[in-house]
Amino acid sequence: MKRVLVLTALPFKRRGNQSLLRFVGLFLSRGIHVDMYTSGSDAGGHHRIEDSTFTLHEVFALRDHVFDALRRLARKRRARRPRPSAEPPGAYYRRIRSEDVVPPYGAHNWRTALRKWSYFLLLLIDNLLLTLRFLILERAAIRRADLVVGYECDYAFAARFLARAFRKRYVNKFQGTVLKATGRDRSVARRYYPNAWFGLNRADLCLMVDDGTDGEYYAKVRGNRKIFCEPHGVALGDYSEPLPPLEDPEFSRRALVFNNASASTWKRIDRILRALARVSPEARERMLFVTTYHADDVDELKAFARDLGLEDCVRFVDRLDHIQSNVLLRHARALVMTNDMSNLGNPVLEAIHYRVPVISINDGSLDGYVTDGVDGMLLDLDDHLDEALARVLEKVVLEDGFAERLRQNRQPNPKVNPLEVQQAREFEVIEAVAASRPAR
């Protein structure tokens, strides 16, 4: 294998998930040339790869331009016709409860279905345009590739067609799947998540990150027979040893409780805020809750925190890359994750490696990774969650030795490996498929 072609709609994000950058690095570190075609962009900035064996090609995405235009039009209409009855900031989070599970990217109703299928139809047009680009202008790029990778759903259709048309091996790669929200209901998946459902197409090899989102099940349902499903490796080489001090002295004066979130609304930081509102005054004085959450509704959450009177113990930090977030994690008394779909992601894997106690929800996603009452605390998602989480946070801050006992009880986990070990296993499978006979 000398050359790999990657089609994706993702950028090399400077903030948040580094999976695409690390996946490309898997090939570059072995002297394999990567041609990457992407329509991805991110306001938080991008990493750049300066390597003679890497070429980056920009892809025009009609769907992004159409939906951006529609969003701008909607904002102008709202500005011209302000409604006296408009909800004040934070009202949504006052209305829902912690035990409520909210579907990602919109409630399961006809409006969501219409929006998702409109996006999906534009996505198919974009796949057709990219396919024509290769067939008419860039046939050499596909001919010299030994392997075609559809990274995530958006260009999986073009990737599969080109691989089959030119007799190449086809690999699809996913960072878990939002289809977990369907509860294995295939009709719900097709109705509200057409991109994820149809984009998880059949490949010579399906690389599915095991992040607690039931990805292996959905990969099998969609016809994949050869599946490699493991959690991410921990990128120890990215992080400094010894642990550098915290830059902000405020973070050092109090017990740091950390939440490493992202731009996804299903991270459900509101659950932690409701619990913080119930902790004792003494615990709040000695605690500082820090979250990296930066989704579009972050101002709503900040308003909700103010309504709860939490200005003294809550900090929203943004513009942090994964290295800065790792420093906060390793200084934390505990990591708190209260996501809707799954809580098994890079933050938890890093916490396990660095023996930081994990406080989360008993949703099954952390089975085999965190043991309740031993090396972490797993709480039931019911109408007692706010109170239960508040009591655990008090123990973390006020009870001498509680967090340290959880830390000391943490044993090495065979499922949590350094990135180099995990990628070596992944590459071995990829290499075997690349050397095999392509499917028809």
Protein backbone atom coordinates (compact mmCIF):
# COMPACT_ATOMS: atom_id res chain seq x y z
CA MET A 1 0.00 0.00 0.00
CA LYS A 2 1.57 3.24 -1.19
CA ARG A 3 -1.28 5.71 -1.58
CA VAL A 4 -4.64 6.31 0.15
CA LEU A 5 -7.52 8.49 -1.01
CA VAL A 6 -9.68 10.00 1.78
CA LEU A 7 -13.04 11.69 1.09
CA THR A 8 -14.60 13.59 4.00
CA ALA A 9 -16.61 16.63 5.02
CA LEU A 10 -14.50 17.21 8.14
CA PRO A 11 -11.55 19.54 8.72
CA PHE A 12 -8.48 19.07 10.87
CA LYS A 13 -10.00 20.83 13.88
CA ARG A 14 -7.72 22.74 16.17
CA ARG A 15 -10.25 22.43 18.99
CA GLY A 16 -12.10 19.28 19.94
CA ASN A 17 -11.93 15.91 18.23
CA GLN A 18 -8.52 15.11 16.75
CA SER A 19 -9.57 11.80 15.20
CA LEU A 20 -9.24 12.77 11.55
CA LEU A 21 -5.78 14.27 12.07
CA ARG A 22 -4.62 11.16 13.90
CA PHE A 23 -6.13 8.85 11.29
CA VAL A 24 -4.25 10.59 8.48
CA GLY A 25 -1.13 10.47 10.64
CA LEU A 26 -1.50 6.69 10.85
CA PHE A 27 -0.62 6.49 7.14
CA LEU A 28 1.86 9.36 6.92
CA SER A 29 3.95 7.93 9.77
CA ARG A 30 4.37 4.78 7.67
CA GLY A 31 5.42 6.62 4.50
CA ILE A 32 2.06 6.21 2.76
CA HIS A 33 0.87 9.16 0.67
CA VAL A 34 -2.57 10.53 1.54
CA ASP A 35 -4.72 12.50 -0.91
CA MET A 36 -7.52 14.09 1.14
CA TYR A 37 -10.56 15.75 -0.41
CA THR A 38 -12.64 17.69 2.11
CA SER A 39 -15.42 20.26 2.26
CA GLY A 40 -14.82 20.78 5.97
CA SER A 41 -14.22 24.08 7.75
CA ASP A 42 -14.26 25.17 11.37
CA ALA A 43 -14.41 28.64 12.92
CA GLY A 44 -12.09 27.45 15.68
CA GLY A 45 -9.19 27.07 13.25
CA HIS A 46 -7.41 24.15 11.62
CA HIS A 47 -4.24 22.16 11.97
CA ARG A 48 -2.01 22.10 8.91
CA ILE A 49 0.12 19.18 7.78
CA GLU A 50 3.41 20.09 6.17
CA ASP A 51 4.42 16.79 4.64
CA SER A 52 5.46 15.92 1.09
CA THR A 53 3.36 12.76 1.28
CA PHE A 54 0.14 14.65 2.02
CA THR A 55 -2.02 16.66 -0.37
CA LEU A 56 -5.20 18.51 0.61
CA HIS A 57 -7.93 19.31 -1.93
CA GLU A 58 -10.91 21.56 -1.17
CA VAL A 59 -14.38 20.38 -2.15
CA PHE A 60 -17.37 22.64 -2.86
CA ALA A 61 -20.42 21.66 -0.77
CA LEU A 62 -23.73 22.92 -2.13
CA ARG A 63 -25.60 21.81 0.99
CA ASP A 64 -23.50 24.01 3.28
CA HIS A 65 -24.11 27.11 1.16
CA VAL A 66 -27.85 26.47 0.94
CA PHE A 67 -28.33 25.85 4.65
CA ASP A 68 -26.08 28.78 5.62
CA ALA A 69 -28.19 31.04 3.42
CA LEU A 70 -31.39 29.74 5.00
CA ARG A 71 -30.00 30.35 8.50
CA ARG A 72 -29.01 33.91 7.62
CA LEU A 73 -32.46 34.56 6.17
CA ALA A 74 -34.13 33.19 9.30
CA ARG A 75 -32.01 35.43 11.54
CA LYS A 76 -32.91 38.52 9.48
CA ARG A 77 -36.61 37.70 9.68
CA ARG A 78 -36.43 37.29 13.44
CA ALA A 79 -34.57 40.59 13.75
CA ARG A 80 -37.18 42.45 11.66
CA ARG A 81 -40.13 40.97 13.53
CA PRO A 82 -39.20 40.57 17.19
CA ARG A 83 -41.90 38.80 19.13
CA PRO A 84 -42.86 40.17 22.55
CA SER A 85 -43.47 36.63 23.70
CA ALA A 86 -39.96 35.44 22.81
CA GLU A 87 -38.43 33.28 25.51
CA PRO A 88 -35.75 34.86 27.66
CA PRO A 89 -32.25 33.33 27.54
CA GLY A 90 -32.05 30.05 29.42
CA ALA A 91 -35.80 29.35 29.30
CA TYR A 92 -35.36 26.10 27.38
CA TYR A 93 -33.15 24.65 30.12
CA ARG A 94 -35.59 25.75 32.80
CA ARG A 95 -38.32 23.88 30.96
CA ILE A 96 -36.64 20.51 30.44
CA ARG A 97 -35.52 18.20 33.25
CA SER A 98 -32.30 16.34 33.80
CA GLU A 99 -33.97 12.96 33.33
CA ASP A 100 -35.29 13.98 29.91
CA VAL A 101 -33.38 12.48 26.98
CA VAL A 102 -33.41 14.89 24.04
CA PRO A 103 -32.90 13.54 20.50
CA PRO A 104 -29.77 15.02 18.92
CA TYR A 105 -30.26 17.59 16.17
CA GLY A 106 -33.98 18.01 16.73
CA ALA A 107 -37.07 16.29 18.10
CA HIS A 108 -38.45 13.34 16.17
CA ASN A 109 -41.23 15.17 14.32
CA TRP A 110 -42.14 16.07 10.74
CA ARG A 111 -40.12 19.30 10.80
CA THR A 112 -36.95 17.44 11.71
CA ALA A 113 -37.66 14.79 9.07
CA LEU A 114 -38.21 17.49 6.43
CA ARG A 115 -34.98 19.28 7.37
CA LYS A 116 -32.92 16.10 7.47
CA TRP A 117 -34.22 14.75 4.18
CA SER A 118 -33.71 18.14 2.50
CA TYR A 119 -30.12 18.09 3.70
CA PHE A 120 -29.72 14.50 2.58
CA LEU A 121 -30.95 15.20 -0.95
CA LEU A 122 -28.49 18.08 -1.25
CA LEU A 123 -25.83 15.75 0.10
CA LEU A 124 -26.52 13.27 -2.69
CA ILE A 125 -26.10 16.08 -5.23
CA ASP A 126 -22.76 16.94 -3.62
CA ASN A 127 -21.70 13.30 -3.90
CA LEU A 128 -22.66 13.32 -7.57
CA LEU A 129 -20.66 16.51 -8.16
CA LEU A 130 -17.60 15.07 -6.44
CA THR A 131 -17.91 11.83 -8.41
CA LEU A 132 -18.07 13.77 -11.68
CA ARG A 133 -15.02 15.77 -10.62
CA PHE A 134 -13.04 12.56 -10.32
CA LEU A 135 -14.42 10.99 -13.49
CA ILE A 136 -13.84 14.06 -15.65
CA LEU A 137 -10.93 15.95 -14.09
CA GLU A 138 -9.07 13.76 -11.62
CA ARG A 139 -9.16 10.18 -12.82
CA ALA A 140 -5.43 9.88 -12.08
CA ALA A 141 -6.05 10.46 -8.35
CA ILE A 142 -8.36 7.48 -8.07
CA ARG A 143 -6.30 5.27 -10.37
CA ARG A 144 -3.11 5.62 -8.34
CA ALA A 145 -4.84 5.04 -5.00
CA ASP A 146 -4.51 1.62 -3.40
CA LEU A 147 -7.32 2.30 -0.95
CA VAL A 148 -10.37 4.60 -0.89
CA VAL A 149 -11.63 5.79 2.51
CA GLY A 150 -15.01 7.39 3.10
CA TYR A 151 -14.41 9.18 6.42
CA GLU A 152 -17.81 9.57 8.11
CA CYS A 153 -21.09 9.58 6.22
CA ASP A 154 -21.11 12.62 3.97
CA TYR A 155 -19.04 11.34 1.04
CA ALA A 156 -19.43 7.62 1.65
CA PHE A 157 -21.60 7.31 -1.47
CA ALA A 158 -18.99 8.83 -3.79
CA ALA A 159 -16.20 6.90 -2.07
CA ARG A 160 -17.94 3.56 -2.50
CA PHE A 161 -18.91 4.20 -6.13
CA LEU A 162 -15.41 5.29 -7.13
CA ALA A 163 -13.80 2.36 -5.34
CA ARG A 164 -16.07 -0.13 -7.07
CA ALA A 165 -15.82 1.56 -10.49
CA PHE A 166 -12.02 1.55 -10.41
CA ARG A 167 -11.63 -1.81 -8.65
CA LYS A 168 -10.13 -0.39 -5.45
CA ARG A 169 -10.55 -1.51 -1.85
CA TYR A 170 -13.13 0.57 0.00
CA VAL A 171 -12.97 1.38 3.73
CA ASN A 172 -15.51 3.43 5.66
CA LYS A 173 -14.45 5.03 8.93
CA PHE A 174 -16.74 6.32 11.69
CA GLN A 175 -16.21 7.96 15.06
CA GLY A 176 -19.22 6.15 16.51
CA THR A 177 -22.72 6.84 15.25
CA VAL A 178 -25.62 9.13 16.09
CA LEU A 179 -27.91 6.20 15.22
CA LYS A 180 -27.67 5.23 18.92
CA ALA A 181 -30.50 7.76 19.42
CA THR A 182 -32.90 5.52 17.45
CA GLY A 183 -32.82 2.70 20.00
CA ARG A 184 -32.28 0.13 17.19
CA ASP A 185 -35.52 1.21 15.50
CA ARG A 186 -34.71 1.08 11.79
CA SER A 187 -37.77 3.07 10.71
CA VAL A 188 -36.78 5.90 13.04
CA ALA A 189 -33.23 5.75 11.66
CA ARG A 190 -34.41 6.07 8.06
CA ARG A 191 -36.95 8.76 8.86
CA TYR A 192 -34.84 11.12 10.97
CA TYR A 193 -31.20 10.16 10.28
CA PRO A 194 -31.02 9.34 6.55
CA ASN A 195 -27.45 10.61 6.23
CA ALA A 196 -26.15 8.40 9.05
CA TRP A 197 -28.26 5.39 8.07
CA PHE A 198 -27.54 5.28 4.33
CA GLY A 199 -24.02 6.70 4.71
CA LEU A 200 -23.03 3.72 6.85
CA ASN A 201 -22.81 1.66 3.67
CA ARG A 202 -21.21 -1.68 2.99
CA ALA A 203 -17.42 -1.66 2.67
CA ASP A 204 -14.52 -4.09 2.40
CA LEU A 205 -13.70 -2.92 5.94
CA CYS A 206 -15.71 -0.83 8.37
CA LEU A 207 -13.64 1.00 10.99
CA MET A 208 -16.04 1.88 13.79
CA VAL A 209 -14.79 3.61 16.92
CA ASP A 210 -16.25 1.96 20.00
CA ASP A 211 -17.52 5.00 21.87
CA GLY A 212 -20.58 3.45 23.46
CA THR A 213 -22.94 4.39 20.61
CA ASP A 214 -23.73 0.82 19.50
CA GLY A 215 -21.77 1.30 16.29
CA GLU A 216 -20.94 -2.34 15.67
CA TYR A 217 -24.62 -3.26 15.69
CA TYR A 218 -25.52 -0.63 13.11
CA ALA A 219 -22.51 -1.49 10.94
CA LYS A 220 -23.71 -5.11 10.80
CA VAL A 221 -27.31 -4.10 10.09
CA ARG A 222 -26.11 -2.02 7.14
CA GLY A 223 -24.38 -5.04 5.61
CA ASN A 224 -20.78 -4.71 6.79
CA ARG A 225 -19.17 -8.09 7.39
CA LYS A 226 -15.62 -7.12 8.33
CA ILE A 227 -15.71 -4.63 11.21
CA PHE A 228 -12.90 -3.31 13.38
CA CYS A 229 -14.48 -1.74 16.46
CA GLU A 230 -12.24 -0.44 19.25
CA PRO A 231 -12.06 2.71 21.35
CA HIS A 232 -9.64 5.48 20.47
CA GLY A 233 -6.09 5.28 21.76
CA VAL A 234 -4.79 7.91 24.19
CA ALA A 235 -2.34 10.24 22.43
CA LEU A 236 0.27 10.27 25.17
CA GLY A 237 2.84 11.80 22.84
CA ASP A 238 0.77 14.99 22.63
CA TYR A 239 0.84 15.62 26.37
CA SER A 240 3.63 17.04 28.50
CA GLU A 241 5.37 15.14 31.25
CA PRO A 242 5.64 16.19 34.00
CA LEU A 243 2.21 17.80 34.27
CA PRO A 244 2.53 21.57 33.70
CA PRO A 245 0.90 23.93 36.22
CA LEU A 246 -2.44 25.59 35.56
CA GLU A 247 -2.10 28.97 33.89
CA ASP A 248 -5.11 30.52 35.66
CA PRO A 249 -4.45 30.83 39.43
CA GLU A 250 -8.21 30.80 40.09
CA PHE A 251 -8.31 27.20 38.90
CA SER A 252 -5.68 26.23 41.48
CA ARG A 253 -7.28 27.78 44.55
CA ARG A 254 -10.34 25.53 44.61
CA ALA A 255 -11.16 21.89 43.92
CA LEU A 256 -11.42 21.62 40.15
CA VAL A 257 -14.30 19.59 38.72
CA PHE A 258 -13.94 19.29 34.95
CA ASN A 259 -16.25 18.61 32.02
CA ASN A 260 -14.60 18.15 28.63
CA ALA A 261 -17.43 18.80 26.20
CA SER A 262 -17.64 19.99 22.60
CA ALA A 263 -19.98 21.74 20.19
CA SER A 264 -22.65 19.00 20.47
CA THR A 265 -25.84 19.91 22.31
CA TRP A 266 -26.32 16.33 23.50
CA LYS A 267 -23.46 16.79 26.01
CA ARG A 268 -26.17 17.99 28.47
CA ILE A 269 -24.19 20.32 30.74
CA ASP A 270 -27.54 21.49 32.15
CA ARG A 271 -27.65 18.32 34.27
CA ILE A 272 -24.45 19.28 36.05
CA LEU A 273 -25.67 22.85 36.59
CA ARG A 274 -28.89 21.66 38.26
CA ALA A 275 -26.86 19.46 40.58
CA LEU A 276 -24.48 22.31 41.44
CA ALA A 277 -27.48 24.42 42.45
CA ARG A 278 -28.23 21.76 45.10
CA VAL A 279 -24.79 21.38 46.68
CA SER A 280 -24.15 22.94 50.07
CA PRO A 281 -22.79 26.51 50.34
CA GLU A 282 -19.59 25.14 51.85
CA ALA A 283 -19.00 22.83 48.87
CA ARG A 284 -19.68 25.62 46.39
CA GLU A 285 -17.17 27.86 48.07
CA ARG A 286 -14.49 25.21 47.73
CA MET A 287 -15.36 24.00 44.22
CA LEU A 288 -14.86 25.33 40.69
CA PHE A 289 -16.70 23.63 37.84
CA VAL A 290 -15.02 24.19 34.45
CA THR A 291 -16.50 23.09 31.12
CA THR A 292 -15.20 23.42 27.55
CA TYR A 293 -18.73 23.28 26.08
CA HIS A 294 -19.01 25.66 23.09
CA ALA A 295 -22.11 24.72 21.09
CA ASP A 296 -24.40 27.33 19.55
CA ASP A 297 -26.56 27.44 22.67
CA VAL A 298 -23.70 28.13 25.09
CA ASP A 299 -25.13 31.59 25.87
CA GLU A 300 -28.40 29.91 26.83
CA LEU A 301 -26.51 27.69 29.27
CA LYS A 302 -24.62 30.64 30.70
CA ALA A 303 -27.92 32.42 31.29
CA PHE A 304 -29.28 29.28 32.93
CA ALA A 305 -26.24 29.15 35.22
CA ARG A 306 -26.80 32.80 36.20
CA ASP A 307 -30.47 32.08 36.93
CA LEU A 308 -29.34 29.31 39.28
CA GLY A 309 -26.92 31.68 41.01
CA LEU A 310 -23.83 29.73 39.99
CA GLU A 311 -21.62 32.59 38.78
CA ASP A 312 -19.25 32.02 41.70
CA CYS A 313 -18.44 28.37 40.90
CA VAL A 314 -18.95 27.83 37.15
CA ARG A 315 -16.61 28.76 34.32
CA PHE A 316 -17.19 28.23 30.60
CA VAL A 317 -13.84 28.15 28.80
CA ASP A 318 -13.44 28.07 25.04
CA ARG A 319 -10.69 28.29 22.45
CA LEU A 320 -8.90 25.40 24.16
CA ASP A 321 -7.17 22.76 22.09
CA HIS A 322 -6.98 19.12 23.21
CA ILE A 323 -3.60 19.68 24.88
CA GLN A 324 -4.89 22.51 27.09
CA SER A 325 -7.98 20.46 27.92
CA ASN A 326 -5.76 17.55 28.95
CA VAL A 327 -3.92 19.76 31.43
CA LEU A 328 -7.23 20.74 33.05
CA LEU A 329 -8.33 17.10 33.13
CA ARG A 330 -5.19 15.92 34.88
CA HIS A 331 -5.44 18.67 37.50
CA ALA A 332 -9.11 17.92 38.18
CA ARG A 333 -10.45 16.31 41.33
CA ALA A 334 -12.93 14.49 39.06
CA LEU A 335 -14.22 14.40 35.49
CA VAL A 336 -18.02 14.75 35.18
CA MET A 337 -19.74 13.63 31.97
CA THR A 338 -23.54 13.57 31.60
CA ASN A 339 -24.07 13.07 27.86
CA ASP A 340 -27.30 11.81 26.36
CA MET A 341 -26.18 9.20 23.82
CA SER A 342 -22.92 7.93 25.30
CA ASN A 343 -20.27 8.97 27.78
CA LEU A 344 -17.43 6.87 26.43
CA GLY A 345 -15.19 9.26 24.53
CA ASN A 346 -11.63 10.56 24.55
CA PRO A 347 -12.10 12.54 27.81
CA VAL A 348 -13.11 9.41 29.74
CA LEU A 349 -10.37 7.30 28.15
CA GLU A 350 -7.79 9.91 29.12
CA ALA A 351 -9.23 10.12 32.63
CA ILE A 352 -8.93 6.35 32.98
CA HIS A 353 -5.32 6.40 31.81
CA TYR A 354 -4.38 9.28 34.14
CA ARG A 355 -6.42 7.82 37.02
CA VAL A 356 -8.82 10.76 37.30
CA PRO A 357 -12.12 9.66 38.91
CA VAL A 358 -15.06 9.65 36.50
CA ILE A 359 -18.57 10.68 37.55
CA SER A 360 -21.15 9.83 34.92
CA ILE A 361 -24.49 8.24 34.08
CA ASN A 362 -25.20 4.53 34.39
CA ASP A 363 -26.31 4.19 30.75
CA GLY A 364 -24.22 1.13 29.87
CA SER A 365 -21.70 3.01 27.74
CA LEU A 366 -19.03 2.81 30.47
CA ASP A 367 -19.47 -0.87 31.28
CA GLY A 368 -16.03 -2.42 31.48
CA TYR A 369 -14.41 0.99 31.87
CA VAL A 370 -15.73 2.49 35.12
CA THR A 371 -16.93 0.52 38.16
CA ASP A 372 -19.47 2.33 40.30
CA GLY A 373 -18.22 3.05 43.80
CA VAL A 374 -14.75 1.63 43.05
CA ASP A 375 -12.93 3.90 40.62
CA GLY A 376 -15.81 6.21 39.74
CA MET A 377 -19.47 6.95 40.34
CA LEU A 378 -22.26 5.99 37.93
CA LEU A 379 -25.68 7.51 38.62
CA ASP A 380 -29.11 6.45 37.40
CA LEU A 381 -30.82 8.71 34.89
CA ASP A 382 -34.07 9.31 36.76
CA ASP A 383 -35.85 12.06 38.68
CA HIS A 384 -33.31 11.68 41.52
CA LEU A 385 -30.30 12.49 39.33
CA ASP A 386 -29.93 16.13 40.39
CA GLU A 387 -29.88 15.26 44.08
CA ALA A 388 -27.66 12.20 43.65
CA LEU A 389 -25.09 14.11 41.57
CA ALA A 390 -25.11 16.97 44.08
CA ARG A 391 -24.28 14.59 46.94
CA VAL A 392 -21.44 13.00 44.96
CA LEU A 393 -19.96 16.40 44.12
CA GLU A 394 -20.09 17.32 47.80
CA LYS A 395 -18.20 14.16 48.69
CA VAL A 396 -15.58 14.87 46.04
CA VAL A 397 -14.96 18.34 47.47
CA LEU A 398 -15.60 17.96 51.20
CA GLU A 399 -14.92 14.34 52.19
CA ASP A 400 -11.26 13.80 52.95
CA GLY A 401 -9.79 11.05 50.82
CA PHE A 402 -12.93 10.22 48.80
CA ALA A 403 -11.61 11.28 45.39
CA GLU A 404 -8.17 9.94 46.23
CA ARG A 405 -9.61 6.51 47.07
CA LEU A 406 -11.33 6.40 43.67
CA ARG A 407 -8.05 7.41 42.06
CA GLN A 408 -6.04 4.75 43.87
CA ASN A 409 -8.60 2.06 43.03
CA ARG A 410 -8.14 2.67 39.33
CA GLN A 411 -6.35 -0.26 37.72
CA PRO A 412 -4.86 -0.37 34.20
CA ASN A 413 -7.60 -1.18 31.70
CA PRO A 414 -6.70 -3.48 28.77
CA LYS A 415 -9.27 -1.66 26.63
CA VAL A 416 -7.47 1.68 27.06
CA ASN A 417 -4.24 1.76 25.08
CA PRO A 418 -1.76 4.39 23.96
CA LEU A 419 -2.54 5.75 20.50
CA GLU A 420 0.47 4.02 18.96
CA VAL A 421 -0.71 0.60 20.20
CA GLN A 422 -4.30 1.12 19.06
CA GLN A 423 -3.24 2.44 15.65
CA ALA A 424 -0.83 -0.45 15.09
CA ARG A 425 -3.75 -2.85 15.54
CA GLU A 426 -5.94 -0.77 13.25
CA PHE A 427 -3.28 -0.50 10.54
CA GLU A 428 -2.70 -4.24 10.57
CA VAL A 429 -6.35 -4.78 9.66
CA ILE A 430 -6.32 -2.02 7.03
CA GLU A 431 -3.14 -3.38 5.45
CA ALA A 432 -4.61 -6.87 5.20
CA VAL A 433 -7.72 -5.53 3.44
CA ALA A 434 -5.61 -3.37 1.09
CA ALA A 435 -3.68 -6.47 0.04
CA SER A 436 -6.83 -8.52 -0.55
CA ARG A 437 -8.94 -8.75 -3.66
CA PRO A 438 -11.45 -5.85 -3.92
CA ALA A 439 -15.16 -6.56 -3.79
CA ARG A 440 -17.23 -6.30 -6.94
